[in-house]
Protein backbone atom coordinates (compact mmCIF):
# COMPACT_ATOMS: atom_id res chain seq x y z
CA MET A 1 -0.22 -0.03 0.27
CA SER A 2 1.31 3.88 -0.62
CA THR A 3 2.26 5.90 1.80
CA ILE A 4 1.62 9.96 1.60
CA ALA A 5 3.99 12.06 3.05
CA LEU A 6 1.89 14.93 5.17
CA LEU A 7 4.65 17.60 5.12
CA HIS A 8 4.01 20.56 8.17
CA THR A 9 5.23 23.08 10.50
CA THR A 10 2.51 22.45 12.75
CA ILE A 11 -0.64 20.57 12.86
CA ARG A 12 -3.91 22.99 12.31
CA GLY A 13 -7.73 22.23 12.03
CA ASP A 14 -6.79 22.06 8.20
CA GLU A 15 -4.11 18.74 8.31
CA LYS A 16 -6.74 17.02 11.02
CA LEU A 17 -9.40 17.30 8.34
CA ILE A 18 -6.73 15.98 5.99
CA LEU A 19 -6.37 12.78 8.46
CA GLN A 20 -9.79 12.24 8.97
CA ALA A 21 -10.63 12.01 5.34
CA ALA A 22 -7.38 9.96 4.74
CA GLY A 23 -8.64 7.27 7.69
CA LYS A 24 -11.92 6.93 6.26
CA ARG A 25 -10.30 6.19 3.38
CA ASN A 26 -7.82 3.62 4.89
CA ILE A 27 -4.75 5.56 3.19
CA ASN A 28 -1.35 5.27 5.35
CA VAL A 29 0.24 9.00 6.47
CA LYS A 30 3.15 9.97 7.63
CA LEU A 31 3.84 13.07 9.32
CA ILE A 32 6.73 14.73 8.84
CA ASP A 33 7.88 17.84 10.77
CA ALA A 34 10.08 20.27 8.17
CA ARG A 35 11.65 22.13 11.21
CA GLU A 36 12.94 17.73 12.19
CA GLU A 37 13.92 16.92 8.79
CA ILE A 38 17.97 16.70 7.93
CA LEU A 39 17.51 17.37 4.12
CA ASP A 40 21.03 15.81 3.28
CA PRO A 41 20.34 13.77 0.09
CA TYR A 42 23.30 11.26 0.62
CA ARG A 43 21.97 10.05 3.11
CA TYR A 44 17.70 11.15 3.12
CA GLU A 45 16.03 7.14 3.36
CA ALA A 46 12.46 7.98 2.20
CA ASP A 47 9.50 5.50 3.01
CA PHE A 48 6.78 7.96 1.53
CA ASP A 49 5.55 7.80 -2.17
CA LEU A 50 4.15 11.41 -2.49
CA VAL A 51 4.85 14.54 -0.35
CA LEU A 52 1.82 16.83 0.14
CA GLU A 53 3.18 19.92 1.75
CA ARG A 54 1.27 21.68 4.09
CA CYS A 55 3.91 24.45 5.77
CA VAL A 56 2.82 26.96 7.32
CA SER A 57 6.44 28.73 6.34
CA THR A 58 6.73 29.39 3.22
CA VAL A 59 10.64 29.14 3.15
CA LYS A 60 10.77 25.48 4.89
CA GLY A 61 7.97 24.54 2.41
CA MET A 62 9.81 25.58 -0.77
CA HIS A 63 12.94 24.00 0.33
CA ALA A 64 11.74 20.92 1.66
CA THR A 65 9.34 20.39 -1.45
CA ARG A 66 12.47 21.12 -4.00
CA PHE A 67 14.49 18.45 -1.68
CA TYR A 68 12.17 15.75 -2.18
CA GLU A 69 11.91 16.84 -5.84
CA SER A 70 15.33 16.31 -5.94
CA LEU A 71 14.86 12.84 -4.91
CA GLY A 72 12.75 11.37 -7.27
CA ILE A 73 9.73 12.03 -5.60
CA THR A 74 6.01 13.92 -7.07
CA VAL A 75 5.15 16.75 -4.12
CA VAL A 76 2.00 18.26 -4.05
CA ASN A 77 1.95 21.19 -5.31
CA SER A 78 4.92 20.68 -7.30
CA SER A 79 7.43 23.42 -6.72
CA ARG A 80 6.74 25.10 -9.91
CA VAL A 81 3.27 26.39 -8.51
CA ALA A 82 4.80 27.05 -5.19
CA SER A 83 7.05 29.28 -6.91
CA ILE A 84 4.73 31.19 -8.58
CA CYS A 85 2.27 31.62 -6.68
CA GLU A 86 4.55 32.39 -3.16
CA ASP A 87 5.19 35.82 -5.13
CA LYS A 88 1.94 37.58 -5.61
CA PHE A 89 4.38 39.68 -7.68
CA LEU A 90 5.09 36.85 -9.96
CA THR A 91 1.39 35.30 -9.39
CA SER A 92 0.33 38.81 -11.31
CA LEU A 93 2.85 38.59 -13.91
CA THR A 94 1.95 34.62 -15.23
CA LEU A 95 -1.39 35.54 -14.56
CA PHE A 96 -1.25 38.44 -17.13
CA ARG A 97 0.83 37.06 -19.19
CA GLN A 98 -1.44 34.02 -20.14
CA LYS A 99 -4.88 37.14 -20.12
CA VAL A 100 -6.65 35.43 -17.38
CA PRO A 101 -8.18 38.97 -15.88
CA THR A 102 -6.35 39.93 -13.24
CA VAL A 103 -6.09 43.36 -10.95
CA GLU A 104 -3.83 46.25 -12.22
CA PHE A 105 -0.34 45.92 -10.57
CA ALA A 106 3.11 47.45 -10.90
CA MET A 107 6.22 46.58 -9.31
CA VAL A 108 8.53 50.07 -7.67
CA PHE A 109 10.95 50.47 -5.76
CA SER A 110 11.45 53.84 -4.11
CA LEU A 111 9.13 56.52 -3.41
CA GLU A 112 9.30 58.63 -6.92
CA GLN A 113 8.38 55.20 -9.44
CA ALA A 114 5.58 54.56 -6.99
CA LYS A 115 4.32 58.53 -7.55
CA GLN A 116 4.98 57.60 -11.35
CA ALA A 117 2.95 54.39 -11.41
CA ILE A 118 0.09 55.70 -8.76
CA LYS A 119 -0.55 58.15 -11.52
CA LEU A 120 -0.37 55.95 -14.83
CA MET A 121 -3.07 53.98 -12.86
CA GLY A 122 -5.33 56.46 -12.00
CA GLY A 123 -4.33 58.07 -8.62
CA PHE A 124 -5.06 57.09 -5.49
CA PRO A 125 -6.38 54.88 -3.22
CA VAL A 126 -3.71 52.02 -4.32
CA VAL A 127 -3.01 48.74 -2.41
CA ILE A 128 0.60 47.98 -1.20
CA LYS A 129 1.60 44.66 -0.31
CA PRO A 130 4.84 42.97 0.60
CA PRO A 131 4.59 40.57 -2.77
CA LEU A 132 5.64 37.52 -0.07
CA GLY A 133 3.34 37.15 2.38
CA SER A 134 -0.71 35.82 3.44
CA TRP A 135 -3.08 36.51 5.77
CA GLY A 136 -4.02 39.87 5.37
CA ARG A 137 -0.65 41.00 6.96
CA LEU A 138 0.96 44.17 5.95
CA LEU A 139 -0.74 45.16 3.60
CA THR A 140 -1.96 49.11 3.22
CA LYS A 141 -4.33 50.71 1.40
CA VAL A 142 -2.86 54.46 0.72
CA ASN A 143 -5.32 57.28 0.33
CA ASP A 144 -3.32 60.07 -1.02
CA MET A 145 0.31 61.41 -0.97
CA ASP A 146 1.02 61.99 2.42
CA ALA A 147 0.38 58.70 3.55
CA LEU A 148 2.10 56.84 0.83
CA GLU A 149 5.58 59.41 1.77
CA GLY A 150 4.79 57.34 5.01
CA VAL A 151 4.76 54.03 4.13
CA ILE A 152 7.68 53.97 2.17
CA GLU A 153 9.76 55.82 4.56
CA HIS A 154 8.57 53.13 7.32
CA LYS A 155 8.82 50.35 4.75
CA GLU A 156 12.62 51.56 3.60
CA VAL A 157 14.02 52.38 6.94
CA LEU A 158 12.11 49.56 9.41
CA GLY A 159 11.76 47.06 6.39
CA SER A 160 13.38 43.46 5.00
CA PRO A 161 15.34 43.91 2.03
CA GLN A 162 11.48 41.89 0.71
CA GLN A 163 10.13 44.78 2.45
CA LYS A 164 11.34 46.96 -0.13
CA ALA A 165 10.66 45.94 -3.38
CA PHE A 166 6.90 47.81 -3.42
CA TYR A 167 4.26 45.91 -5.16
CA ILE A 168 1.18 48.17 -6.16
CA GLN A 169 -2.24 47.04 -7.14
CA LYS A 170 -5.06 49.02 -8.14
CA TYR A 171 -7.77 49.97 -4.98
CA ILE A 172 -11.21 47.86 -6.43
CA LYS A 173 -14.37 48.91 -4.28
CA LYS A 174 -15.73 45.76 -2.86
CA PRO A 175 -19.22 44.66 -2.14
CA GLU A 176 -18.10 44.42 1.39
CA ARG A 177 -16.77 40.59 0.55
CA ASP A 178 -14.72 38.63 -2.21
CA ILE A 179 -14.71 35.40 -3.01
CA ARG A 180 -12.80 32.23 -2.24
CA VAL A 181 -12.38 29.76 -4.50
CA PHE A 182 -10.79 26.15 -4.35
CA VAL A 183 -9.84 24.48 -7.17
CA ILE A 184 -8.47 20.91 -8.10
CA ALA A 185 -6.93 19.90 -10.96
CA GLY A 186 -8.41 22.84 -12.83
CA GLU A 187 -11.89 22.09 -11.77
CA THR A 188 -13.70 24.55 -9.03
CA ILE A 189 -14.93 22.26 -6.49
CA CYS A 190 -16.47 24.61 -4.37
CA ALA A 191 -16.67 28.90 -3.01
CA ILE A 192 -17.16 31.06 -0.76
CA TYR A 193 -18.27 34.35 0.09
CA ARG A 194 -15.83 36.11 2.77
CA THR A 195 -17.58 39.03 3.96
CA SER A 196 -16.30 42.24 6.26
CA PRO A 197 -16.94 45.74 5.81
CA HIS A 198 -12.88 45.56 6.47
CA TRP A 199 -11.47 46.20 3.45
CA ILE A 200 -9.69 43.54 4.18
CA THR A 201 -11.65 40.66 3.98
CA ASN A 202 -9.73 37.34 4.88
CA THR A 203 -11.23 34.76 7.29
CA ALA A 204 -7.92 34.79 9.52
CA ARG A 205 -9.34 38.92 10.07
CA GLY A 206 -12.58 38.36 11.29
CA GLY A 207 -14.13 38.06 7.84
CA LYS A 208 -17.60 36.05 7.65
CA ALA A 209 -17.68 33.01 5.39
CA THR A 210 -20.59 32.24 3.37
CA ASN A 211 -21.51 29.48 0.23
CA CYS A 212 -20.95 31.28 -2.69
CA PRO A 213 -23.08 28.83 -5.89
CA VAL A 214 -19.99 28.05 -8.23
CA THR A 215 -21.74 29.53 -11.94
CA LYS A 216 -20.40 29.26 -15.07
CA GLU A 217 -18.27 32.10 -15.21
CA LEU A 218 -16.16 31.30 -11.82
CA ALA A 219 -15.67 28.13 -13.05
CA LYS A 220 -14.21 29.47 -16.31
CA ILE A 221 -11.47 31.73 -14.55
CA ALA A 222 -10.40 29.30 -12.09
CA LYS A 223 -9.54 27.00 -14.52
CA GLN A 224 -7.48 29.91 -17.12
CA ALA A 225 -6.06 30.72 -13.54
CA SER A 226 -5.44 26.81 -12.19
CA ASP A 227 -3.91 26.70 -16.50
CA ALA A 228 -1.68 29.58 -16.22
CA VAL A 229 0.34 28.47 -12.98
CA GLY A 230 0.45 25.00 -13.15
CA GLY A 231 -2.50 23.33 -11.53
CA GLY A 232 -3.10 21.61 -8.11
CA ILE A 233 -4.47 22.26 -5.22
CA LEU A 234 -5.27 25.68 -5.17
CA ALA A 235 -7.21 28.41 -3.73
CA MET A 236 -8.12 31.23 -5.69
CA ASP A 237 -9.56 35.35 -4.24
CA ILE A 238 -11.62 36.89 -6.80
CA PHE A 239 -13.20 40.16 -7.32
CA GLU A 240 -16.60 41.00 -8.13
CA MET A 241 -15.50 43.89 -11.06
CA ARG A 242 -17.55 46.02 -12.44
CA ASP A 243 -16.84 44.47 -15.97
CA GLY A 244 -16.28 40.45 -14.83
CA LEU A 245 -14.13 38.76 -12.14
CA ALA A 246 -10.80 39.36 -11.50
CA ILE A 247 -8.36 37.20 -10.14
CA ASN A 248 -6.00 38.76 -6.83
CA GLU A 249 -4.51 35.89 -5.45
CA ILE A 250 -4.12 32.58 -5.84
CA ASN A 251 -2.89 30.34 -2.38
CA HIS A 252 -0.69 26.85 -3.07
CA THR A 253 -1.43 25.54 0.94
CA MET A 254 -4.60 27.48 1.60
CA GLU A 255 -6.55 27.22 4.61
CA PHE A 256 -10.34 25.70 4.04
CA LYS A 257 -11.45 24.53 7.64
CA ASN A 258 -13.69 27.46 8.30
CA SER A 259 -15.02 26.58 4.80
CA GLU A 260 -16.04 23.01 4.89
CA ALA A 261 -19.00 23.48 6.94
CA PRO A 262 -20.78 26.57 4.74
CA THR A 263 -20.11 24.82 2.00
CA GLY A 264 -20.75 20.87 2.23
CA VAL A 265 -18.40 19.51 0.66
CA SER A 266 -15.41 18.04 1.84
CA ILE A 267 -12.50 19.77 1.00
CA SER A 268 -10.09 17.71 3.03
CA GLY A 269 -11.16 14.77 1.04
CA ALA A 270 -10.87 16.16 -2.19
CA ILE A 271 -7.55 16.88 -1.33
CA VAL A 272 -6.43 13.32 -0.24
CA ASP A 273 -8.49 12.03 -3.33
CA TYR A 274 -6.44 14.29 -6.14
CA CYS A 275 -2.71 13.02 -3.91
CA LEU A 276 -4.11 9.43 -4.61
CA LYS A 277 -5.50 9.95 -8.43
CA THR A 278 -1.73 11.74 -8.23
CA LEU A 279 -0.09 8.19 -7.17
CA LYS A 280 -1.92 6.17 -9.85
CA ASN A 281 -0.31 8.41 -12.71
CA ILE A 282 4.02 8.31 -11.55
């Protein structure tokens, strides 16, 4: 019987659901804490057939994914998919190149460049994000020039080198919600509205999750985005805009524990089934 390794840096409610789903299918699962691994290709002995990467730490997850792939072990999601999705700028560039509707964006490295980019976008407000990050952290809605100067100065003086790359998005006035779509191998299995009076609607920041019907338009743009970044197990944040839907971000190690109840869909079960299908095709 094949064994799936669940690579993690902590066991959250999401991973517990995956373990329960695997148990119902009588699947062997080996828990691997990335923090305790020695990724030594000369001596590493793998006693599993596929790795499901679920690390909270993007850095640890990426290094481990590349290590296991170097040994010829299939990892879900692959390092190619992860490298695109972990970087918001690269995600945006990939979607733009593949003509998938996305939020207007630019990358700059100085205050003067930021001023010019925002002018070309049509002016304030805009959103400045770190290229790497999750849970709606360190996002800033910038409403005017004074705020822009303050944000850039703080990042330049106090930020890490990554914080000195200023990823700017056009601010989208949402109807107090956005859509999170769960996509596996290009198929949308379910979706939720994330509703909040705050402009950041992440459930990690208090957004309320309710079921969102999967329309043809929603399934189509999700399939386009999945194909663009390389498929696998993905969660996409989508905005409802005047001229249709647009992808905001794509997550390759998504959280879903708050979405199974409102949608009535076993996302954890779908994840395990995808891993099993992948194993058969190895």
